Amino acid sequence: MLKCWTSILVTKIYKIKLEEDPGSDDLVLPIPTELLNQMGWDIGDDLVWTDNFDGSYSLAKEVDKLKKKAYNKHNDDSN
């Protein structure tokens, strides 16, 4: 018997409004916990904005170019 597997990629679009920090007037992007978990991001991770030149931007975890892996506190071996 031949089994077939189908994989469907479902993309969820998040629309998040920037908030202003009243103490510093900095803009803050409150990323939902669900999205943090899905992306493998953690509080304190450095994220990089990329202009897609179509009116949109992408956000990704900064990659340690020397180690060729995404940096987060769980793989920090600087100590």
Protein backbone atom coordinates (compact mmCIF):
# COMPACT_ATOMS: atom_id res chain seq x y z
CA MET A 1 0.00 0.00 0.00
CA LEU A 2 1.38 3.38 -1.02
CA LYS A 3 1.06 6.15 1.55
CA CYS A 4 1.08 9.77 0.50
CA TRP A 5 1.92 12.64 2.79
CA THR A 6 0.90 16.19 2.21
CA SER A 7 2.46 19.07 4.06
CA ILE A 8 0.69 22.39 4.11
CA LEU A 9 2.45 25.51 5.28
CA VAL A 10 0.01 27.79 7.04
CA THR A 11 1.10 31.37 7.45
CA LYS A 12 -0.46 33.49 10.14
CA ILE A 13 -0.20 37.23 9.71
CA TYR A 14 0.37 39.28 12.83
CA LYS A 15 -0.51 42.95 12.86
CA ILE A 16 1.08 44.58 15.87
CA LYS A 17 0.96 48.27 16.70
CA LEU A 18 4.08 49.97 17.94
CA GLU A 19 3.76 51.36 21.43
CA GLU A 20 5.61 54.30 22.93
CA ASP A 21 7.54 53.80 26.17
CA PRO A 22 6.40 56.72 28.32
CA GLY A 23 9.69 56.79 30.22
CA SER A 24 12.03 57.01 27.24
CA ASP A 25 9.76 57.84 24.28
CA ASP A 26 11.31 54.82 22.51
CA LEU A 27 9.06 52.79 20.23
CA VAL A 28 8.37 49.24 21.38
CA LEU A 29 7.10 46.32 19.29
CA PRO A 30 5.20 44.03 21.71
CA ILE A 31 5.70 40.61 20.09
CA PRO A 32 3.07 38.07 21.25
CA THR A 33 4.34 35.08 23.23
CA GLU A 34 2.83 32.71 20.65
CA LEU A 35 4.96 34.29 17.92
CA LEU A 36 8.11 34.31 20.09
CA ASN A 37 7.67 30.58 20.72
CA GLN A 38 6.91 29.79 17.07
CA MET A 39 10.00 31.66 15.86
CA GLY A 40 12.32 30.27 18.54
CA TRP A 41 12.98 33.77 19.85
CA ASP A 42 13.49 34.68 23.47
CA ILE A 43 13.43 37.88 25.48
CA GLY A 44 16.86 39.47 25.07
CA ASP A 45 17.52 38.08 21.58
CA ASP A 46 18.89 40.58 19.08
CA LEU A 47 16.58 40.90 16.08
CA VAL A 48 17.46 42.34 12.68
CA TRP A 49 15.05 44.36 10.51
CA THR A 50 15.28 43.83 6.76
CA ASP A 51 13.61 46.18 4.28
CA ASN A 52 11.89 44.07 1.61
CA PHE A 53 11.62 47.15 -0.66
CA ASP A 54 7.92 46.51 -1.22
CA GLY A 55 6.59 48.47 1.74
CA SER A 56 7.13 45.56 4.12
CA TYR A 57 9.89 44.51 6.50
CA SER A 58 11.14 41.16 7.78
CA LEU A 59 12.34 40.49 11.28
CA ALA A 60 14.79 37.69 12.10
CA LYS A 61 17.06 36.66 14.93
CA GLU A 62 20.57 38.00 14.48
CA VAL A 63 22.98 35.30 13.33
CA ASP A 64 26.46 35.00 14.79
CA LYS A 65 28.40 35.01 11.52
CA LEU A 66 31.50 33.44 13.08
CA LYS A 67 29.57 30.50 14.50
CA LYS A 68 27.04 30.40 11.63
CA LYS A 69 24.14 29.99 14.01
CA ALA A 70 21.47 32.18 15.49
CA TYR A 71 22.54 33.68 18.78
CA ASN A 72 20.47 33.34 21.89
CA LYS A 73 21.22 33.02 25.57
CA HIS A 74 20.97 29.21 25.35
CA ASN A 75 23.93 28.87 22.98
CA ASP A 76 26.07 31.67 24.40
CA ASP A 77 29.44 30.10 25.17
CA SER A 78 31.24 33.39 25.85
CA ASN A 79 31.55 32.57 29.59
